[in-house]
PDB file of all heavy atoms in Angstrom:
ATOM      1  N   SER A   1     -33.539  68.245 -56.523  1.00  0.00           N
ATOM      2  CA  SER A   1     -33.343  68.746 -55.139  1.00  0.00           C
ATOM      3  C   SER A   1     -31.899  68.979 -54.811  1.00  0.00           C
ATOM      4  O   SER A   1     -31.510  69.707 -53.881  1.00  0.00           O
ATOM      5  CB  SER A   1     -34.019  67.938 -54.136  1.00  0.00           C
ATOM      6  OG  SER A   1     -33.337  66.643 -54.077  1.00  0.00           O
ATOM      7  N   THR A   2     -30.981  68.267 -55.504  1.00  0.00           N
ATOM      8  CA  THR A   2     -29.604  68.187 -55.106  1.00  0.00           C
ATOM      9  C   THR A   2     -28.879  69.556 -55.211  1.00  0.00           C
ATOM     10  O   THR A   2     -28.131  69.871 -54.327  1.00  0.00           O
ATOM     11  CB  THR A   2     -28.825  67.171 -56.009  1.00  0.00           C
ATOM     12  OG1 THR A   2     -29.385  65.842 -55.939  1.00  0.00           O
ATOM     13  CG2 THR A   2     -27.370  67.126 -55.641  1.00  0.00           C
ATOM     14  N   PRO A   3     -29.139  70.390 -56.170  1.00  0.00           N
ATOM     15  CA  PRO A   3     -28.476  71.758 -56.140  1.00  0.00           C
ATOM     16  C   PRO A   3     -28.870  72.574 -54.925  1.00  0.00           C
ATOM     17  O   PRO A   3     -28.045  73.296 -54.357  1.00  0.00           O
ATOM     18  CB  PRO A   3     -29.031  72.420 -57.443  1.00  0.00           C
ATOM     19  CG  PRO A   3     -29.288  71.256 -58.402  1.00  0.00           C
ATOM     20  CD  PRO A   3     -29.825  70.241 -57.501  1.00  0.00           C
ATOM     21  N   ARG A   4     -30.194  72.476 -54.513  1.00  0.00           N
ATOM     22  CA  ARG A   4     -30.565  73.175 -53.323  1.00  0.00           C
ATOM     23  C   ARG A   4     -29.801  72.631 -52.131  1.00  0.00           C
ATOM     24  O   ARG A   4     -29.348  73.443 -51.223  1.00  0.00           O
ATOM     25  CB  ARG A   4     -32.175  73.033 -53.146  1.00  0.00           C
ATOM     26  CG  ARG A   4     -32.912  73.633 -54.028  1.00  0.00           C
ATOM     27  CD  ARG A   4     -34.327  73.688 -53.550  1.00  0.00           C
ATOM     28  NE  ARG A   4     -34.877  72.528 -53.262  1.00  0.00           N
ATOM     29  CZ  ARG A   4     -35.606  71.674 -54.176  1.00  0.00           C
ATOM     30  NH1 ARG A   4     -35.807  72.137 -55.429  1.00  0.00           N
ATOM     31  NH2 ARG A   4     -36.115  70.498 -53.849  1.00  0.00           N
ATOM     32  N   ILE A   5     -29.694  71.365 -51.975  1.00  0.00           N
ATOM     33  CA  ILE A   5     -29.038  70.845 -50.849  1.00  0.00           C
ATOM     34  C   ILE A   5     -27.488  71.019 -50.924  1.00  0.00           C
ATOM     35  O   ILE A   5     -26.870  71.347 -49.870  1.00  0.00           O
ATOM     36  CB  ILE A   5     -29.254  69.295 -50.824  1.00  0.00           C
ATOM     37  CG1 ILE A   5     -30.816  69.050 -50.551  1.00  0.00           C
ATOM     38  CG2 ILE A   5     -28.410  68.569 -49.740  1.00  0.00           C
ATOM     39  CD1 ILE A   5     -31.189  67.566 -50.661  1.00  0.00           C
ATOM     40  N   ALA A   6     -26.955  71.098 -52.100  1.00  0.00           N
ATOM     41  CA  ALA A   6     -25.521  71.322 -52.250  1.00  0.00           C
ATOM     42  C   ALA A   6     -25.229  72.680 -51.786  1.00  0.00           C
ATOM     43  O   ALA A   6     -24.069  72.911 -51.411  1.00  0.00           O
ATOM     44  CB  ALA A   6     -25.066  71.055 -53.671  1.00  0.00           C
ATOM     45  N   GLN A   7     -25.945  73.627 -51.792  1.00  0.00           N
ATOM     46  CA  GLN A   7     -25.662  74.979 -51.591  1.00  0.00           C
ATOM     47  C   GLN A   7     -26.090  75.463 -50.091  1.00  0.00           C
ATOM     48  O   GLN A   7     -25.965  76.609 -49.756  1.00  0.00           O
ATOM     49  CB  GLN A   7     -26.402  75.907 -52.565  1.00  0.00           C
ATOM     50  CG  GLN A   7     -25.827  75.734 -53.987  1.00  0.00           C
ATOM     51  CD  GLN A   7     -26.532  76.450 -55.084  1.00  0.00           C
ATOM     52  OE1 GLN A   7     -26.753  77.761 -54.879  1.00  0.00           O
ATOM     53  NE2 GLN A   7     -26.873  75.824 -56.098  1.00  0.00           N
ATOM     54  N   ILE A   8     -26.540  74.442 -49.309  1.00  0.00           N
ATOM     55  CA  ILE A   8     -26.842  74.778 -47.915  1.00  0.00           C
ATOM     56  C   ILE A   8     -25.520  75.242 -47.292  1.00  0.00           C
ATOM     57  O   ILE A   8     -24.453  74.522 -47.413  1.00  0.00           O
ATOM     58  CB  ILE A   8     -27.356  73.553 -47.112  1.00  0.00           C
ATOM     59  CG1 ILE A   8     -28.792  73.160 -47.644  1.00  0.00           C
ATOM     60  CG2 ILE A   8     -27.433  73.835 -45.632  1.00  0.00           C
ATOM     61  CD1 ILE A   8     -29.353  71.889 -47.105  1.00  0.00           C
ATOM     62  N   PRO A   9     -25.470  76.309 -46.522  1.00  0.00           N
ATOM     63  CA  PRO A   9     -24.191  76.746 -45.878  1.00  0.00           C
ATOM     64  C   PRO A   9     -23.906  75.990 -44.619  1.00  0.00           C
ATOM     65  O   PRO A   9     -24.671  75.235 -44.076  1.00  0.00           O
ATOM     66  CB  PRO A   9     -24.534  78.274 -45.486  1.00  0.00           C
ATOM     67  CG  PRO A   9     -26.013  78.309 -45.266  1.00  0.00           C
ATOM     68  CD  PRO A   9     -26.611  77.282 -46.212  1.00  0.00           C
ATOM     69  N   ASN A  10     -22.563  76.133 -44.193  1.00  0.00           N
ATOM     70  CA  ASN A  10     -22.105  75.418 -43.027  1.00  0.00           C
ATOM     71  C   ASN A  10     -22.425  73.932 -42.824  1.00  0.00           C
ATOM     72  O   ASN A  10     -22.959  73.521 -41.760  1.00  0.00           O
ATOM     73  CB  ASN A  10     -22.717  76.250 -41.769  1.00  0.00           C
ATOM     74  CG  ASN A  10     -22.549  77.700 -41.861  1.00  0.00           C
ATOM     75  OD1 ASN A  10     -21.411  78.179 -42.210  1.00  0.00           O
ATOM     76  ND2 ASN A  10     -23.489  78.552 -41.539  1.00  0.00           N
ATOM     77  N   LYS A  11     -22.002  73.215 -43.795  1.00  0.00           N
ATOM     78  CA  LYS A  11     -22.180  71.745 -43.754  1.00  0.00           C
ATOM     79  C   LYS A  11     -20.880  71.159 -44.106  1.00  0.00           C
ATOM     80  O   LYS A  11     -19.982  71.742 -44.595  1.00  0.00           O
ATOM     81  CB  LYS A  11     -23.302  71.320 -44.740  1.00  0.00           C
ATOM     82  CG  LYS A  11     -22.831  71.625 -46.163  1.00  0.00           C
ATOM     83  CD  LYS A  11     -23.974  71.200 -47.107  1.00  0.00           C
ATOM     84  CE  LYS A  11     -23.531  71.448 -48.605  1.00  0.00           C
ATOM     85  NZ  LYS A  11     -23.083  72.888 -48.871  1.00  0.00           N
ATOM     86  N   LEU A  12     -20.734  69.812 -43.831  1.00  0.00           N
ATOM     87  CA  LEU A  12     -19.657  69.082 -44.283  1.00  0.00           C
ATOM     88  C   LEU A  12     -20.255  67.964 -45.249  1.00  0.00           C
ATOM     89  O   LEU A  12     -21.309  67.412 -44.867  1.00  0.00           O
ATOM     90  CB  LEU A  12     -18.864  68.338 -43.181  1.00  0.00           C
ATOM     91  CG  LEU A  12     -17.661  67.670 -43.661  1.00  0.00           C
ATOM     92  CD1 LEU A  12     -16.554  67.822 -42.676  1.00  0.00           C
ATOM     93  CD2 LEU A  12     -17.874  66.068 -43.766  1.00  0.00           C
ATOM     94  N   ILE A  13     -19.689  67.820 -46.357  1.00  0.00           N
ATOM     95  CA  ILE A  13     -20.266  66.855 -47.406  1.00  0.00           C
ATOM     96  C   ILE A  13     -19.416  65.634 -47.235  1.00  0.00           C
ATOM     97  O   ILE A  13     -18.103  65.615 -47.252  1.00  0.00           O
ATOM     98  CB  ILE A  13     -20.230  67.435 -48.817  1.00  0.00           C
ATOM     99  CG1 ILE A  13     -21.214  68.522 -49.014  1.00  0.00           C
ATOM    100  CG2 ILE A  13     -20.456  66.285 -49.801  1.00  0.00           C
ATOM    101  CD1 ILE A  13     -20.927  69.301 -50.204  1.00  0.00           C
ATOM    102  N   LEU A  14     -20.050  64.458 -47.185  1.00  0.00           N
ATOM    103  CA  LEU A  14     -19.388  63.184 -46.988  1.00  0.00           C
ATOM    104  C   LEU A  14     -19.776  62.430 -48.221  1.00  0.00           C
ATOM    105  O   LEU A  14     -20.964  61.669 -48.214  1.00  0.00           O
ATOM    106  CB  LEU A  14     -19.821  62.504 -45.669  1.00  0.00           C
ATOM    107  CG  LEU A  14     -18.843  61.524 -45.054  1.00  0.00           C
ATOM    108  CD1 LEU A  14     -17.397  61.959 -44.880  1.00  0.00           C
ATOM    109  CD2 LEU A  14     -19.377  61.173 -43.754  1.00  0.00           C
ATOM    110  N   GLY A  15     -18.956  62.430 -49.134  1.00  0.00           N
ATOM    111  CA  GLY A  15     -19.317  61.587 -50.478  1.00  0.00           C
ATOM    112  C   GLY A  15     -18.777  60.207 -50.388  1.00  0.00           C
ATOM    113  O   GLY A  15     -17.801  59.897 -49.729  1.00  0.00           O
ATOM    114  N   ASP A  16     -19.490  59.224 -50.979  1.00  0.00           N
ATOM    115  CA  ASP A  16     -18.969  57.909 -50.918  1.00  0.00           C
ATOM    116  C   ASP A  16     -17.746  57.750 -51.843  1.00  0.00           C
ATOM    117  O   ASP A  16     -16.878  56.831 -51.731  1.00  0.00           O
ATOM    118  CB  ASP A  16     -20.120  56.939 -51.729  1.00  0.00           C
ATOM    119  CG  ASP A  16     -21.316  56.789 -50.955  1.00  0.00           C
ATOM    120  OD1 ASP A  16     -21.307  57.052 -49.670  1.00  0.00           O
ATOM    121  OD2 ASP A  16     -22.328  56.353 -51.457  1.00  0.00           O
ATOM    122  N   SER A  17     -17.484  58.715 -52.720  1.00  0.00           N
ATOM    123  CA  SER A  17     -16.374  58.742 -53.678  1.00  0.00           C
ATOM    124  C   SER A  17     -16.096  60.151 -53.995  1.00  0.00           C
ATOM    125  O   SER A  17     -16.820  61.076 -53.874  1.00  0.00           O
ATOM    126  CB  SER A  17     -16.666  57.927 -54.863  1.00  0.00           C
ATOM    127  OG  SER A  17     -17.852  58.534 -55.635  1.00  0.00           O
ATOM    128  N   THR A  18     -14.856  60.358 -54.584  1.00  0.00           N
ATOM    129  CA  THR A  18     -14.528  61.681 -55.102  1.00  0.00           C
ATOM    130  C   THR A  18     -15.434  62.110 -56.285  1.00  0.00           C
ATOM    131  O   THR A  18     -15.842  63.232 -56.439  1.00  0.00           O
ATOM    132  CB  THR A  18     -13.087  61.605 -55.635  1.00  0.00           C
ATOM    133  OG1 THR A  18     -12.218  61.318 -54.596  1.00  0.00           O
ATOM    134  CG2 THR A  18     -12.722  63.033 -56.238  1.00  0.00           C
ATOM    135  N   TYR A  19     -15.844  60.984 -57.039  1.00  0.00           N
ATOM    136  CA  TYR A  19     -16.810  61.246 -58.139  1.00  0.00           C
ATOM    137  C   TYR A  19     -18.117  61.912 -57.530  1.00  0.00           C
ATOM    138  O   TYR A  19     -18.616  62.857 -58.160  1.00  0.00           O
ATOM    139  CB  TYR A  19     -17.115  59.878 -58.733  1.00  0.00           C
ATOM    140  CG  TYR A  19     -18.228  59.986 -59.791  1.00  0.00           C
ATOM    141  CD1 TYR A  19     -18.075  60.389 -61.032  1.00  0.00           C
ATOM    142  CD2 TYR A  19     -19.654  59.583 -59.415  1.00  0.00           C
ATOM    143  CE1 TYR A  19     -19.043  60.384 -62.031  1.00  0.00           C
ATOM    144  CE2 TYR A  19     -20.639  59.594 -60.336  1.00  0.00           C
ATOM    145  CZ  TYR A  19     -20.308  60.047 -61.652  1.00  0.00           C
ATOM    146  OH  TYR A  19     -21.353  60.062 -62.612  1.00  0.00           O
ATOM    147  N   ASN A  20     -18.640  61.344 -56.429  1.00  0.00           N
ATOM    148  CA  ASN A  20     -19.842  61.999 -55.826  1.00  0.00           C
ATOM    149  C   ASN A  20     -19.598  63.414 -55.348  1.00  0.00           C
ATOM    150  O   ASN A  20     -20.475  64.279 -55.571  1.00  0.00           O
ATOM    151  CB  ASN A  20     -20.258  61.193 -54.631  1.00  0.00           C
ATOM    152  CG  ASN A  20     -20.884  59.830 -55.016  1.00  0.00           C
ATOM    153  OD1 ASN A  20     -20.976  59.570 -56.213  1.00  0.00           O
ATOM    154  ND2 ASN A  20     -21.383  59.072 -54.137  1.00  0.00           N
ATOM    155  N   CYS A  21     -18.368  63.633 -54.719  1.00  0.00           N
ATOM    156  CA  CYS A  21     -18.138  65.054 -54.314  1.00  0.00           C
ATOM    157  C   CYS A  21     -18.064  65.994 -55.502  1.00  0.00           C
ATOM    158  O   CYS A  21     -18.577  67.156 -55.424  1.00  0.00           O
ATOM    159  CB  CYS A  21     -16.833  64.988 -53.571  1.00  0.00           C
ATOM    160  SG  CYS A  21     -16.923  64.294 -51.896  1.00  0.00           S
ATOM    161  N   ASP A  22     -17.420  65.632 -56.600  1.00  0.00           N
ATOM    162  CA  ASP A  22     -17.369  66.321 -57.632  1.00  0.00           C
ATOM    163  C   ASP A  22     -18.763  66.687 -58.350  1.00  0.00           C
ATOM    164  O   ASP A  22     -18.962  67.786 -58.895  1.00  0.00           O
ATOM    165  CB  ASP A  22     -16.500  65.666 -58.890  1.00  0.00           C
ATOM    166  CG  ASP A  22     -15.003  65.610 -58.477  1.00  0.00           C
ATOM    167  OD1 ASP A  22     -14.626  66.477 -57.595  1.00  0.00           O
ATOM    168  OD2 ASP A  22     -14.284  64.823 -59.077  1.00  0.00           O
ATOM    169  N   ASP A  23     -19.616  65.793 -58.176  1.00  0.00           N
ATOM    170  CA  ASP A  23     -20.974  65.947 -58.583  1.00  0.00           C
ATOM    171  C   ASP A  23     -21.653  67.040 -57.840  1.00  0.00           C
ATOM    172  O   ASP A  23     -22.317  68.000 -58.526  1.00  0.00           O
ATOM    173  CB  ASP A  23     -21.829  64.660 -58.305  1.00  0.00           C
ATOM    174  CG  ASP A  23     -23.014  64.605 -59.135  1.00  0.00           C
ATOM    175  OD1 ASP A  23     -23.070  65.063 -60.288  1.00  0.00           O
ATOM    176  OD2 ASP A  23     -24.092  64.085 -58.633  1.00  0.00           O
ATOM    177  N   LEU A  24     -21.438  67.159 -56.551  1.00  0.00           N
ATOM    178  CA  LEU A  24     -22.006  68.178 -55.731  1.00  0.00           C
ATOM    179  C   LEU A  24     -21.256  69.552 -56.014  1.00  0.00           C
ATOM    180  O   LEU A  24     -21.903  70.630 -56.034  1.00  0.00           O
ATOM    181  CB  LEU A  24     -21.958  67.868 -54.266  1.00  0.00           C
ATOM    182  CG  LEU A  24     -22.973  66.807 -53.714  1.00  0.00           C
ATOM    183  CD1 LEU A  24     -22.870  66.577 -52.319  1.00  0.00           C
ATOM    184  CD2 LEU A  24     -24.411  67.200 -54.162  1.00  0.00           C
ATOM    185  N   ILE A  25     -20.045  69.524 -56.215  1.00  0.00           N
ATOM    186  CA  ILE A  25     -19.258  70.731 -56.486  1.00  0.00           C
ATOM    187  C   ILE A  25     -19.791  71.417 -57.799  1.00  0.00           C
ATOM    188  O   ILE A  25     -19.897  72.613 -57.838  1.00  0.00           O
ATOM    189  CB  ILE A  25     -17.696  70.436 -56.610  1.00  0.00           C
ATOM    190  CG1 ILE A  25     -17.276  70.072 -55.188  1.00  0.00           C
ATOM    191  CG2 ILE A  25     -16.871  71.635 -57.101  1.00  0.00           C
ATOM    192  CD1 ILE A  25     -15.795  69.464 -55.166  1.00  0.00           C
ATOM    193  N   ALA A  26     -20.071  70.557 -58.792  1.00  0.00           N
ATOM    194  CA  ALA A  26     -20.565  71.086 -60.027  1.00  0.00           C
ATOM    195  C   ALA A  26     -21.893  71.806 -59.802  1.00  0.00           C
ATOM    196  O   ALA A  26     -22.382  72.520 -60.592  1.00  0.00           O
ATOM    197  CB  ALA A  26     -20.726  69.964 -61.021  1.00  0.00           C
ATOM    198  N   MET A  27     -22.611  71.421 -58.702  1.00  0.00           N
ATOM    199  CA  MET A  27     -23.937  71.997 -58.368  1.00  0.00           C
ATOM    200  C   MET A  27     -23.908  73.059 -57.398  1.00  0.00           C
ATOM    201  O   MET A  27     -24.989  73.544 -56.859  1.00  0.00           O
ATOM    202  CB  MET A  27     -24.891  70.877 -57.916  1.00  0.00           C
ATOM    203  CG  MET A  27     -25.182  69.780 -59.056  1.00  0.00           C
ATOM    204  SD  MET A  27     -26.459  68.639 -58.397  1.00  0.00           S
ATOM    205  CE  MET A  27     -26.311  67.345 -59.741  1.00  0.00           C
ATOM    206  N   GLY A  28     -22.643  73.468 -57.061  1.00  0.00           N
ATOM    207  CA  GLY A  28     -22.534  74.686 -56.215  1.00  0.00           C
ATOM    208  C   GLY A  28     -21.957  74.419 -54.872  1.00  0.00           C
ATOM    209  O   GLY A  28     -21.823  75.469 -54.018  1.00  0.00           O
ATOM    210  N   ALA A  29     -21.559  73.214 -54.442  1.00  0.00           N
ATOM    211  CA  ALA A  29     -20.939  72.969 -53.165  1.00  0.00           C
ATOM    212  C   ALA A  29     -19.557  73.473 -53.285  1.00  0.00           C
ATOM    213  O   ALA A  29     -18.928  73.557 -54.327  1.00  0.00           O
ATOM    214  CB  ALA A  29     -20.958  71.510 -52.902  1.00  0.00           C
ATOM    215  N   ARG A  30     -18.884  73.862 -52.076  1.00  0.00           N
ATOM    216  CA  ARG A  30     -17.566  74.279 -51.992  1.00  0.00           C
ATOM    217  C   ARG A  30     -16.676  73.054 -51.955  1.00  0.00           C
ATOM    218  O   ARG A  30     -16.864  72.221 -51.066  1.00  0.00           O
ATOM    219  CB  ARG A  30     -17.318  75.202 -50.850  1.00  0.00           C
ATOM    220  CG  ARG A  30     -18.200  76.431 -50.810  1.00  0.00           C
ATOM    221  CD  ARG A  30     -17.542  77.517 -49.919  1.00  0.00           C
ATOM    222  NE  ARG A  30     -16.846  77.046 -48.806  1.00  0.00           N
ATOM    223  CZ  ARG A  30     -17.453  76.878 -47.564  1.00  0.00           C
ATOM    224  NH1 ARG A  30     -18.746  77.226 -47.356  1.00  0.00           N
ATOM    225  NH2 ARG A  30     -16.763  76.437 -46.577  1.00  0.00           N
ATOM    226  N   PRO A  31     -15.620  73.019 -52.669  1.00  0.00           N
ATOM    227  CA  PRO A  31     -14.579  71.922 -52.529  1.00  0.00           C
ATOM    228  C   PRO A  31     -13.979  71.718 -51.176  1.00  0.00           C
ATOM    229  O   PRO A  31     -13.760  70.577 -50.725  1.00  0.00           O
ATOM    230  CB  PRO A  31     -13.545  72.336 -53.537  1.00  0.00           C
ATOM    231  CG  PRO A  31     -14.146  73.132 -54.503  1.00  0.00           C
ATOM    232  CD  PRO A  31     -15.183  73.972 -53.771  1.00  0.00           C
ATOM    233  N   ASP A  32     -13.828  72.862 -50.483  1.00  0.00           N
ATOM    234  CA  ASP A  32     -13.213  72.668 -49.143  1.00  0.00           C
ATOM    235  C   ASP A  32     -14.211  72.074 -47.984  1.00  0.00           C
ATOM    236  O   ASP A  32     -13.716  71.850 -46.897  1.00  0.00           O
ATOM    237  CB  ASP A  32     -12.711  74.075 -48.579  1.00  0.00           C
ATOM    238  CG  ASP A  32     -13.779  75.096 -48.282  1.00  0.00           C
ATOM    239  OD1 ASP A  32     -14.990  74.888 -48.780  1.00  0.00           O
ATOM    240  OD2 ASP A  32     -13.524  76.180 -47.829  1.00  0.00           O
ATOM    241  N   GLU A  33     -15.454  71.896 -48.344  1.00  0.00           N
ATOM    242  CA  GLU A  33     -16.347  71.381 -47.380  1.00  0.00           C
ATOM    243  C   GLU A  33     -16.632  69.872 -47.693  1.00  0.00           C
ATOM    244  O   GLU A  33     -17.507  69.232 -47.129  1.00  0.00           O
ATOM    245  CB  GLU A  33     -17.692  72.097 -47.336  1.00  0.00           C
ATOM    246  CG  GLU A  33     -18.450  72.075 -48.663  1.00  0.00           C
ATOM    247  CD  GLU A  33     -19.659  72.968 -48.540  1.00  0.00           C
ATOM    248  OE1 GLU A  33     -19.884  73.736 -47.548  1.00  0.00           O
ATOM    249  OE2 GLU A  33     -20.562  72.977 -49.503  1.00  0.00           O
ATOM    250  N   CYS A  34     -15.830  69.299 -48.710  1.00  0.00           N
ATOM    251  CA  CYS A  34     -16.115  67.871 -49.116  1.00  0.00           C
ATOM    252  C   CYS A  34     -14.964  66.953 -48.536  1.00  0.00           C
ATOM    253  O   CYS A  34     -13.836  67.258 -48.484  1.00  0.00           O
ATOM    254  CB  CYS A  34     -16.031  67.800 -50.692  1.00  0.00           C
ATOM    255  SG  CYS A  34     -17.389  68.667 -51.572  1.00  0.00           S
ATOM    256  N   ARG A  35     -15.481  65.765 -48.150  1.00  0.00           N
ATOM    257  CA  ARG A  35     -14.626  64.735 -47.705  1.00  0.00           C
ATOM    258  C   ARG A  35     -15.093  63.446 -48.368  1.00  0.00           C
ATOM    259  O   ARG A  35     -16.252  63.353 -48.770  1.00  0.00           O
ATOM    260  CB  ARG A  35     -14.735  64.482 -46.190  1.00  0.00           C
ATOM    261  CG  ARG A  35     -14.450  65.738 -45.356  1.00  0.00           C
ATOM    262  CD  ARG A  35     -13.011  66.122 -45.339  1.00  0.00           C
ATOM    263  NE  ARG A  35     -12.838  67.261 -44.376  1.00  0.00           N
ATOM    264  CZ  ARG A  35     -12.998  68.577 -44.714  1.00  0.00           C
ATOM    265  NH1 ARG A  35     -13.474  68.892 -45.899  1.00  0.00           N
ATOM    266  NH2 ARG A  35     -12.823  69.483 -43.773  1.00  0.00           N
ATOM    267  N   VAL A  36     -14.314  62.454 -48.437  1.00  0.00           N
ATOM    268  CA  VAL A  36     -14.594  61.140 -49.050  1.00  0.00           C
ATOM    269  C   VAL A  36     -14.560  60.106 -47.995  1.00  0.00           C
ATOM    270  O   VAL A  36     -13.532  59.878 -47.250  1.00  0.00           O
ATOM    271  CB  VAL A  36     -13.677  60.756 -50.264  1.00  0.00           C
ATOM    272  CG1 VAL A  36     -14.009  59.376 -50.748  1.00  0.00           C
ATOM    273  CG2 VAL A  36     -13.844  61.757 -51.329  1.00  0.00           C
ATOM    274  N   LEU A  37     -15.664  59.293 -47.840  1.00  0.00           N
ATOM    275  CA  LEU A  37     -15.691  58.135 -46.922  1.00  0.00           C
ATOM    276  C   LEU A  37     -16.454  57.051 -47.635  1.00  0.00           C
ATOM    277  O   LEU A  37     -17.686  57.231 -47.903  1.00  0.00           O
ATOM    278  CB  LEU A  37     -16.351  58.493 -45.587  1.00  0.00           C
ATOM    279  CG  LEU A  37     -16.578  57.361 -44.658  1.00  0.00           C
ATOM    280  CD1 LEU A  37     -15.199  56.901 -44.204  1.00  0.00           C
ATOM    281  CD2 LEU A  37     -17.380  57.749 -43.408  1.00  0.00           C
ATOM    282  N   ALA A  38     -15.776  55.944 -47.925  1.00  0.00           N
ATOM    283  CA  ALA A  38     -16.542  54.832 -48.572  1.00  0.00           C
ATOM    284  C   ALA A  38     -17.650  54.336 -47.757  1.00  0.00           C
ATOM    285  O   ALA A  38     -17.711  54.481 -46.515  1.00  0.00           O
ATOM    286  CB  ALA A  38     -15.450  53.737 -48.832  1.00  0.00           C
ATOM    287  N   PRO A  39     -18.696  53.705 -48.376  1.00  0.00           N
ATOM    288  CA  PRO A  39     -19.839  53.203 -47.598  1.00  0.00           C
ATOM    289  C   PRO A  39     -19.359  52.157 -46.521  1.00  0.00           C
ATOM    290  O   PRO A  39     -18.559  51.435 -46.768  1.00  0.00           O
ATOM    291  CB  PRO A  39     -20.644  52.555 -48.665  1.00  0.00           C
ATOM    292  CG  PRO A  39     -20.318  53.228 -49.983  1.00  0.00           C
ATOM    293  CD  PRO A  39     -18.844  53.484 -49.835  1.00  0.00           C
ATOM    294  N   PHE A  40     -20.070  52.175 -45.406  1.00  0.00           N
ATOM    295  CA  PHE A  40     -19.919  51.142 -44.463  1.00  0.00           C
ATOM    296  C   PHE A  40     -20.677  49.897 -45.032  1.00  0.00           C
ATOM    297  O   PHE A  40     -21.599  49.973 -45.884  1.00  0.00           O
ATOM    298  CB  PHE A  40     -20.614  51.564 -43.109  1.00  0.00           C
ATOM    299  CG  PHE A  40     -19.634  52.520 -42.367  1.00  0.00           C
ATOM    300  CD1 PHE A  40     -19.698  53.836 -42.682  1.00  0.00           C
ATOM    301  CD2 PHE A  40     -18.873  51.988 -41.321  1.00  0.00           C
ATOM    302  CE1 PHE A  40     -18.786  54.697 -42.008  1.00  0.00           C
ATOM    303  CE2 PHE A  40     -18.068  52.808 -40.548  1.00  0.00           C
ATOM    304  CZ  PHE A  40     -17.975  54.232 -41.027  1.00  0.00           C
ATOM    305  N   HIS A  41     -20.166  48.734 -44.527  1.00  0.00           N
ATOM    306  CA  HIS A  41     -20.743  47.461 -45.156  1.00  0.00           C
ATOM    307  C   HIS A  41     -20.611  46.366 -44.057  1.00  0.00           C
ATOM    308  O   HIS A  41     -20.117  46.568 -43.029  1.00  0.00           O
ATOM    309  CB  HIS A  41     -19.814  47.125 -46.323  1.00  0.00           C
ATOM    310  CG  HIS A  41     -18.338  47.103 -46.003  1.00  0.00           C
ATOM    311  ND1 HIS A  41     -17.721  46.019 -45.307  1.00  0.00           N
ATOM    312  CD2 HIS A  41     -17.246  47.904 -46.233  1.00  0.00           C
ATOM    313  CE1 HIS A  41     -16.449  46.228 -45.071  1.00  0.00           C
ATOM    314  NE2 HIS A  41     -16.165  47.380 -45.722  1.00  0.00           N
ATOM    315  N   LEU A  42     -21.123  45.197 -44.530  1.00  0.00           N
ATOM    316  CA  LEU A  42     -21.201  44.088 -43.647  1.00  0.00           C
ATOM    317  C   LEU A  42     -20.369  42.828 -44.227  1.00  0.00           C
ATOM    318  O   LEU A  42     -20.725  41.733 -44.141  1.00  0.00           O
ATOM    319  CB  LEU A  42     -22.571  43.611 -43.308  1.00  0.00           C
ATOM    320  CG  LEU A  42     -23.443  44.678 -42.532  1.00  0.00           C
ATOM    321  CD1 LEU A  42     -24.863  44.218 -42.444  1.00  0.00           C
ATOM    322  CD2 LEU A  42     -22.738  44.859 -41.150  1.00  0.00           C
ATOM    323  N   ILE A  43     -19.349  43.294 -45.011  1.00  0.00           N
ATOM    324  CA  ILE A  43     -18.586  42.229 -45.799  1.00  0.00           C
ATOM    325  C   ILE A  43     -17.924  41.226 -44.955  1.00  0.00           C
ATOM    326  O   ILE A  43     -17.985  40.030 -45.250  1.00  0.00           O
ATOM    327  CB  ILE A  43     -17.589  42.946 -46.741  1.00  0.00           C
ATOM    328  CG1 ILE A  43     -18.334  43.797 -47.755  1.00  0.00           C
ATOM    329  CG2 ILE A  43     -16.735  41.847 -47.444  1.00  0.00           C
ATOM    330  CD1 ILE A  43     -17.399  44.605 -48.619  1.00  0.00           C
ATOM    331  N   GLU A  44     -17.297  41.593 -43.828  1.00  0.00           N
ATOM    332  CA  GLU A  44     -16.715  40.603 -43.079  1.00  0.00           C
ATOM    333  C   GLU A  44     -17.621  39.630 -42.305  1.00  0.00           C
ATOM    334  O   GLU A  44     -17.360  38.499 -42.124  1.00  0.00           O
ATOM    335  CB  GLU A  44     -15.776  41.270 -42.089  1.00  0.00           C
ATOM    336  CG  GLU A  44     -14.661  42.038 -42.754  1.00  0.00           C
ATOM    337  CD  GLU A  44     -13.386  42.320 -41.928  1.00  0.00           C
ATOM    338  OE1 GLU A  44     -13.333  41.898 -40.892  1.00  0.00           O
ATOM    339  OE2 GLU A  44     -12.429  42.983 -42.592  1.00  0.00           O
TER     340      GLU A  44
END
């Protein structure tokens, strides 16, 4: 299902890492719609 989702128009992609964003770009997502935000956590 990921290539279908990657090619949805007018979205912003929020990857946990650049690695994740690159994964979607390889499946058809546009690089300019990708951002990186690490996972939220309860470490403190």
